[in-house]
Structure formats: structure tokens, C-alpha cells
């Protein structure tokens, strides 16, 4: 596969359909799923002149998709309903708790140090 074929495949993969899913209709309610899409690519090439001639090529592409939420359309009103990533919330809470514990420890050490000098 050459680089141009890879670029063509990336264009086919990274479409608006990856961000907005097919609308789901239930009665008078329409739900449109939405996702965050991130992609990255790479490349390469190479040819060495001299004692050890060699050739090389390379390519690469990555695509990540994460649910973001849904648009809910009902009675001509549009409402955004975000997805709550519970794992991210828990991780954030853990980071805050560790930072708080480290701050309390530092304050306790400082107080103990100043109390010992009196």
C-alpha cells in the first residue's frame, strides 16, 4: 500500500458519519448520537546512498471515537444530553483526594517543625 492509498482510506474513514450517528426516531422524539473523533497519521520514506544502499517506506493511521452525548429533538425543541464518563469522574476525584492529602501532610510537617523550635 502506498501513501496515496492510505490517504484515500483516511478520507473514507474520517467522515461526518463518525461524529453524528444515524437519527433514532421513537414516536415524536428524534435522538441523534454524537461522538468525539480524533485521528492521527504518520509517514515515512528513506533511501540511503553509499556503502549500504537500502530502501524503506512506512505509513500509519489511528482513529479514536468516544461517545459525547445525544441531541434530543422533541416538539421543535432541541436539547443536548451529554454523556457522563464515570471513570473520568472517579479518576478526577482520586486526584483531588491525593492532592488534598499531600497538602495536609505538608501543613502537618510544617506545624510540627515550627512547634519543635519553640
N, C-alpha and C. Protein backbone atom coordinates (compact mmCIF):
# COMPACT_ATOMS: atom_id res chain seq x y z
N UNK A 1 0.85 -1.17 0.00
CA UNK A 1 0.00 0.00 0.00
C UNK A 1 0.90 1.24 0.00
N UNK A 2 0.63 2.16 -0.90
CA UNK A 2 1.41 3.38 -0.90
C UNK A 2 0.70 4.47 -0.10
N UNK A 3 1.37 5.58 0.06
CA UNK A 3 0.86 6.66 0.90
C UNK A 3 -0.43 7.23 0.35
N UNK A 4 -0.56 7.35 -0.95
CA UNK A 4 -1.78 7.90 -1.54
C UNK A 4 -2.99 7.00 -1.27
N UNK A 5 -2.78 5.68 -1.31
CA UNK A 5 -3.88 4.77 -0.98
C UNK A 5 -4.28 4.93 0.48
N UNK A 6 -3.30 5.13 1.35
CA UNK A 6 -3.59 5.34 2.77
C UNK A 6 -4.38 6.62 2.97
N UNK A 7 -4.00 7.68 2.29
CA UNK A 7 -4.73 8.95 2.40
C UNK A 7 -6.16 8.78 1.92
N UNK A 8 -6.38 8.07 0.85
CA UNK A 8 -7.73 7.81 0.36
C UNK A 8 -8.56 7.06 1.40
N UNK A 9 -7.96 6.07 2.06
CA UNK A 9 -8.68 5.32 3.09
C UNK A 9 -8.99 6.20 4.30
N UNK A 10 -8.08 7.09 4.66
CA UNK A 10 -8.33 8.01 5.77
C UNK A 10 -9.50 8.92 5.44
N UNK A 11 -9.57 9.41 4.23
CA UNK A 11 -10.68 10.27 3.84
C UNK A 11 -12.00 9.52 3.91
N UNK A 12 -11.99 8.25 3.56
CA UNK A 12 -13.21 7.45 3.64
C UNK A 12 -13.59 7.17 5.09
N UNK A 13 -12.61 7.03 5.97
CA UNK A 13 -12.87 6.69 7.36
C UNK A 13 -13.30 7.90 8.18
N UNK A 14 -12.64 9.03 8.01
CA UNK A 14 -12.90 10.22 8.80
C UNK A 14 -14.01 11.05 8.16
N UNK A 15 -15.23 10.58 8.27
CA UNK A 15 -16.37 11.29 7.71
C UNK A 15 -17.25 11.84 8.83
N UNK A 16 -18.19 12.66 8.47
CA UNK A 16 -19.12 13.24 9.43
C UNK A 16 -19.99 12.15 10.07
N UNK A 17 -20.14 11.02 9.40
CA UNK A 17 -20.94 9.93 9.96
C UNK A 17 -20.27 9.32 11.19
N UNK A 18 -18.97 9.55 11.37
CA UNK A 18 -18.29 9.08 12.58
C UNK A 18 -18.65 9.96 13.77
N UNK A 19 -19.00 11.22 13.52
CA UNK A 19 -19.33 12.15 14.59
C UNK A 19 -20.81 12.09 14.92
N UNK A 20 -21.64 12.19 13.93
CA UNK A 20 -23.09 12.14 14.12
C UNK A 20 -23.62 10.81 13.62
N UNK A 21 -24.24 10.04 14.52
CA UNK A 21 -24.80 8.75 14.13
C UNK A 21 -26.14 8.91 13.44
N UNK A 22 -26.69 7.81 13.02
CA UNK A 22 -28.00 7.83 12.37
C UNK A 22 -29.06 8.24 13.40
N UNK A 23 -29.96 9.16 13.03
CA UNK A 23 -31.02 9.56 13.95
C UNK A 23 -31.93 8.38 14.30
N UNK A 24 -32.35 8.34 15.56
CA UNK A 24 -33.28 7.32 16.03
C UNK A 24 -34.60 8.01 16.31
N UNK A 25 -35.67 7.53 15.69
CA UNK A 25 -36.99 8.13 15.85
C UNK A 25 -37.85 7.19 16.68
N UNK A 26 -38.44 7.74 17.76
CA UNK A 26 -39.35 6.98 18.61
C UNK A 26 -40.54 7.87 18.91
N UNK A 27 -41.62 7.62 18.22
CA UNK A 27 -42.79 8.49 18.36
C UNK A 27 -42.48 9.87 17.81
N UNK A 28 -42.66 10.90 18.66
CA UNK A 28 -42.38 12.27 18.22
C UNK A 28 -41.02 12.76 18.71
N UNK A 29 -40.18 11.83 19.15
CA UNK A 29 -38.84 12.18 19.65
C UNK A 29 -37.78 11.67 18.68
N UNK A 30 -36.83 12.54 18.34
CA UNK A 30 -35.69 12.16 17.49
C UNK A 30 -34.42 12.30 18.33
N UNK A 31 -33.61 11.26 18.33
CA UNK A 31 -32.35 11.26 19.08
C UNK A 31 -31.21 11.10 18.08
N UNK A 32 -30.24 12.03 18.15
CA UNK A 32 -29.08 11.99 17.26
C UNK A 32 -27.83 11.78 18.11
N UNK A 33 -27.20 10.60 18.03
CA UNK A 33 -25.98 10.38 18.81
C UNK A 33 -24.79 11.15 18.25
N UNK A 34 -23.94 11.62 19.16
CA UNK A 34 -22.76 12.42 18.80
C UNK A 34 -21.54 11.82 19.46
N UNK A 35 -20.42 11.81 18.74
CA UNK A 35 -19.17 11.26 19.28
C UNK A 35 -18.02 12.22 19.03
N UNK A 36 -16.99 12.11 19.86
CA UNK A 36 -15.74 12.85 19.62
C UNK A 36 -14.83 11.93 18.82
N UNK A 37 -14.31 12.46 17.74
CA UNK A 37 -13.44 11.67 16.87
C UNK A 37 -12.07 12.34 16.81
N UNK A 38 -11.03 11.56 17.02
CA UNK A 38 -9.67 12.08 16.92
C UNK A 38 -8.85 11.11 16.08
N UNK A 39 -8.05 11.65 15.21
CA UNK A 39 -7.24 10.80 14.35
C UNK A 39 -5.83 11.33 14.25
N UNK A 40 -4.96 10.48 13.85
CA UNK A 40 -3.57 10.86 13.66
C UNK A 40 -2.94 9.99 12.60
N UNK A 41 -1.93 10.47 12.03
CA UNK A 41 -1.29 9.71 10.96
C UNK A 41 0.22 9.78 11.06
N UNK A 42 0.83 9.11 10.20
CA UNK A 42 2.29 9.07 10.17
C UNK A 42 2.77 8.94 8.74
N UNK A 43 4.00 8.73 8.59
CA UNK A 43 4.54 8.59 7.25
C UNK A 43 5.95 8.05 7.33
N UNK A 44 6.62 8.12 6.27
CA UNK A 44 7.98 7.63 6.25
C UNK A 44 8.49 7.53 4.84
N UNK A 45 9.73 7.27 4.74
CA UNK A 45 10.38 7.12 3.45
C UNK A 45 11.84 6.85 3.75
N UNK A 46 12.61 6.68 2.78
CA UNK A 46 14.03 6.53 3.02
C UNK A 46 14.75 5.81 1.91
N UNK A 47 15.93 6.27 1.66
CA UNK A 47 16.82 5.60 0.71
C UNK A 47 18.21 6.09 1.06
N UNK A 48 19.06 5.16 1.34
CA UNK A 48 20.41 5.50 1.75
C UNK A 48 21.34 5.29 0.58
N UNK A 49 22.11 6.30 0.29
CA UNK A 49 23.12 6.21 -0.75
C UNK A 49 24.45 5.91 -0.08
N UNK A 50 25.28 5.18 -0.72
CA UNK A 50 26.60 4.93 -0.14
C UNK A 50 26.91 3.45 -0.05
N UNK A 51 27.65 3.08 0.99
CA UNK A 51 28.11 1.70 1.15
C UNK A 51 26.97 0.69 1.25
N UNK A 52 25.93 1.01 1.99
CA UNK A 52 24.82 0.06 2.19
C UNK A 52 23.52 0.67 1.69
N UNK A 53 23.29 0.59 0.42
CA UNK A 53 22.03 1.15 -0.09
C UNK A 53 20.84 0.33 0.41
N UNK A 54 19.81 1.03 0.82
CA UNK A 54 18.58 0.36 1.26
C UNK A 54 17.41 1.26 0.93
N UNK A 55 16.25 0.66 0.96
CA UNK A 55 15.04 1.42 0.71
C UNK A 55 14.09 1.20 1.88
N UNK A 56 13.20 2.10 2.07
CA UNK A 56 12.22 1.94 3.14
C UNK A 56 10.98 2.75 2.86
N UNK A 57 9.93 2.34 3.42
CA UNK A 57 8.68 3.07 3.33
C UNK A 57 8.02 2.99 4.70
N UNK A 58 6.88 3.56 4.84
CA UNK A 58 6.16 3.49 6.09
C UNK A 58 4.86 4.24 5.98
N UNK A 59 3.99 3.96 6.88
CA UNK A 59 2.71 4.65 6.94
C UNK A 59 2.06 4.28 8.26
N UNK A 60 1.03 4.98 8.61
CA UNK A 60 0.31 4.65 9.83
C UNK A 60 -0.86 5.58 10.01
N UNK A 61 -1.86 5.12 10.72
CA UNK A 61 -3.03 5.94 10.99
C UNK A 61 -3.76 5.36 12.19
N UNK A 62 -4.24 6.23 13.04
CA UNK A 62 -5.03 5.80 14.19
C UNK A 62 -6.29 6.64 14.30
N UNK A 63 -7.35 6.05 14.76
CA UNK A 63 -8.62 6.75 14.89
C UNK A 63 -9.24 6.35 16.21
N UNK A 64 -9.65 7.34 17.01
CA UNK A 64 -10.30 7.07 18.28
C UNK A 64 -11.66 7.73 18.31
N UNK A 65 -12.65 7.01 18.77
CA UNK A 65 -14.02 7.53 18.84
C UNK A 65 -14.55 7.31 20.25
N UNK A 66 -15.06 8.39 20.86
CA UNK A 66 -15.62 8.34 22.21
C UNK A 66 -17.00 8.98 22.19
N UNK A 67 -18.00 8.35 22.80
CA UNK A 67 -19.34 8.97 22.83
C UNK A 67 -19.30 10.32 23.55
N UNK A 68 -19.99 11.31 23.02
CA UNK A 68 -20.04 12.63 23.63
C UNK A 68 -21.41 12.94 24.21
N UNK A 69 -22.46 12.44 23.59
CA UNK A 69 -23.81 12.71 24.06
C UNK A 69 -24.81 12.53 22.94
N UNK A 70 -26.00 13.08 23.15
CA UNK A 70 -27.05 12.99 22.13
C UNK A 70 -27.78 14.32 22.06
N UNK A 71 -28.27 14.62 20.87
CA UNK A 71 -29.23 15.70 20.68
C UNK A 71 -30.61 15.08 20.72
N UNK A 72 -31.47 15.62 21.56
CA UNK A 72 -32.85 15.13 21.66
C UNK A 72 -33.75 16.21 21.09
N UNK A 73 -34.52 15.85 20.07
CA UNK A 73 -35.43 16.79 19.42
C UNK A 73 -36.84 16.34 19.72
N UNK A 74 -37.61 17.22 20.38
CA UNK A 74 -39.00 16.91 20.73
C UNK A 74 -39.79 18.20 20.70
N UNK A 75 -40.91 18.18 20.01
CA UNK A 75 -41.79 19.35 19.91
C UNK A 75 -41.03 20.58 19.43
N UNK A 76 -40.21 20.43 18.41
CA UNK A 76 -39.42 21.51 17.80
C UNK A 76 -38.42 22.13 18.77
N UNK A 77 -38.13 21.47 19.88
CA UNK A 77 -37.12 21.92 20.83
C UNK A 77 -35.93 20.97 20.78
N UNK A 78 -34.73 21.52 20.75
CA UNK A 78 -33.51 20.71 20.72
C UNK A 78 -32.83 20.82 22.08
N UNK A 79 -32.47 19.67 22.65
CA UNK A 79 -31.80 19.63 23.95
C UNK A 79 -30.55 18.77 23.82
N UNK A 80 -29.45 19.24 24.41
CA UNK A 80 -28.19 18.49 24.41
C UNK A 80 -28.12 17.68 25.70
N UNK A 81 -27.88 16.39 25.59
CA UNK A 81 -27.74 15.50 26.74
C UNK A 81 -26.33 14.89 26.69
N UNK A 82 -25.39 15.43 27.49
CA UNK A 82 -24.01 14.91 27.43
C UNK A 82 -23.89 13.53 28.07
N UNK A 83 -22.90 12.79 27.64
CA UNK A 83 -22.56 11.51 28.26
C UNK A 83 -21.66 11.81 29.45
N UNK A 84 -21.94 11.18 30.57
CA UNK A 84 -21.10 11.35 31.75
C UNK A 84 -20.16 10.15 31.82
N UNK A 85 -18.86 10.43 31.73
CA UNK A 85 -17.85 9.38 31.81
C UNK A 85 -17.53 9.15 33.28
N UNK A 86 -18.14 8.14 33.87
CA UNK A 86 -17.98 7.86 35.29
C UNK A 86 -16.52 7.58 35.63
N UNK A 87 -15.82 6.89 34.77
CA UNK A 87 -14.40 6.61 35.03
C UNK A 87 -13.59 7.89 35.16
N UNK A 88 -13.87 8.85 34.32
CA UNK A 88 -13.14 10.13 34.38
C UNK A 88 -13.50 10.89 35.66
N UNK A 89 -14.77 10.83 36.07
CA UNK A 89 -15.18 11.49 37.31
C UNK A 89 -14.48 10.86 38.51
N UNK A 90 -14.43 9.54 38.54
CA UNK A 90 -13.76 8.84 39.65
C UNK A 90 -12.27 9.17 39.67
N UNK A 91 -11.63 9.17 38.52
CA UNK A 91 -10.21 9.49 38.45
C UNK A 91 -9.96 10.92 38.92
N UNK A 92 -10.80 11.85 38.51
CA UNK A 92 -10.66 13.23 38.95
C UNK A 92 -10.79 13.35 40.46
N UNK A 93 -11.75 12.63 41.04
CA UNK A 93 -11.92 12.63 42.49
C UNK A 93 -10.71 12.07 43.20
N UNK A 94 -10.14 11.02 42.65
CA UNK A 94 -8.94 10.43 43.26
C UNK A 94 -7.77 11.40 43.22
N UNK A 95 -7.62 12.10 42.13
CA UNK A 95 -6.51 13.07 42.01
C UNK A 95 -6.69 14.19 43.02
N UNK A 96 -7.91 14.69 43.17
CA UNK A 96 -8.17 15.75 44.15
C UNK A 96 -7.90 15.25 45.56
N UNK A 97 -8.32 14.00 45.87
CA UNK A 97 -8.10 13.44 47.20
C UNK A 97 -6.61 13.30 47.51
N UNK A 98 -5.82 12.81 46.56
CA UNK A 98 -4.38 12.67 46.76
C UNK A 98 -3.73 14.03 46.96
N UNK A 99 -4.13 15.02 46.16
CA UNK A 99 -3.56 16.37 46.31
C UNK A 99 -3.92 16.94 47.69
N UNK A 100 -5.13 16.72 48.15
CA UNK A 100 -5.54 17.22 49.46
C UNK A 100 -4.74 16.54 50.57
N UNK A 101 -4.56 15.22 50.47
CA UNK A 101 -3.78 14.51 51.48
C UNK A 101 -2.33 14.99 51.51
N UNK A 102 -1.74 15.22 50.36
CA UNK A 102 -0.37 15.72 50.31
C UNK A 102 -0.27 17.12 50.92
N UNK A 103 -1.27 17.96 50.68
CA UNK A 103 -1.27 19.31 51.25
C UNK A 103 -1.41 19.24 52.77
N UNK A 104 -2.30 18.37 53.27
CA UNK A 104 -2.48 18.22 54.72
C UNK A 104 -1.19 17.72 55.36
N UNK A 105 -0.54 16.76 54.72
CA UNK A 105 0.72 16.23 55.25
C UNK A 105 1.80 17.32 55.31
N UNK A 106 1.89 18.11 54.25
CA UNK A 106 2.88 19.19 54.23
C UNK A 106 2.60 20.22 55.32
N UNK A 107 1.34 20.55 55.54
CA UNK A 107 0.98 21.51 56.58
C UNK A 107 1.29 20.93 57.96
N UNK A 108 0.98 19.63 58.16
CA UNK A 108 1.26 18.99 59.44
C UNK A 108 2.76 18.95 59.72
N UNK A 109 3.55 18.65 58.72
CA UNK A 109 5.02 18.65 58.91
C UNK A 109 5.54 20.04 59.23
N UNK A 110 5.01 21.03 58.57
CA UNK A 110 5.45 22.41 58.81
C UNK A 110 5.09 22.84 60.23
N UNK A 111 3.89 22.51 60.68
CA UNK A 111 3.47 22.86 62.04
C UNK A 111 4.32 22.14 63.08
N UNK A 112 4.61 20.85 62.82
CA UNK A 112 5.42 20.08 63.76
C UNK A 112 6.83 20.67 63.85
N UNK A 113 7.34 21.11 62.72
CA UNK A 113 8.68 21.67 62.67
C UNK A 113 8.74 23.00 63.43
N UNK A 114 7.73 23.85 63.24
CA UNK A 114 7.71 25.15 63.93
C UNK A 114 7.39 24.98 65.40
N UNK A 115 6.61 23.96 65.80
CA UNK A 115 6.30 23.72 67.21
C UNK A 115 7.53 23.20 67.94
N UNK A 116 8.38 22.46 67.28
CA UNK A 116 9.60 21.93 67.89
C UNK A 116 10.63 23.01 68.15
N UNK A 117 10.58 24.11 67.45
CA UNK A 117 11.55 25.20 67.62
C UNK A 117 11.17 26.11 68.78
N UNK A 118 9.97 26.02 69.29
CA UNK A 118 9.53 26.90 70.38
C UNK A 118 10.03 26.48 71.68
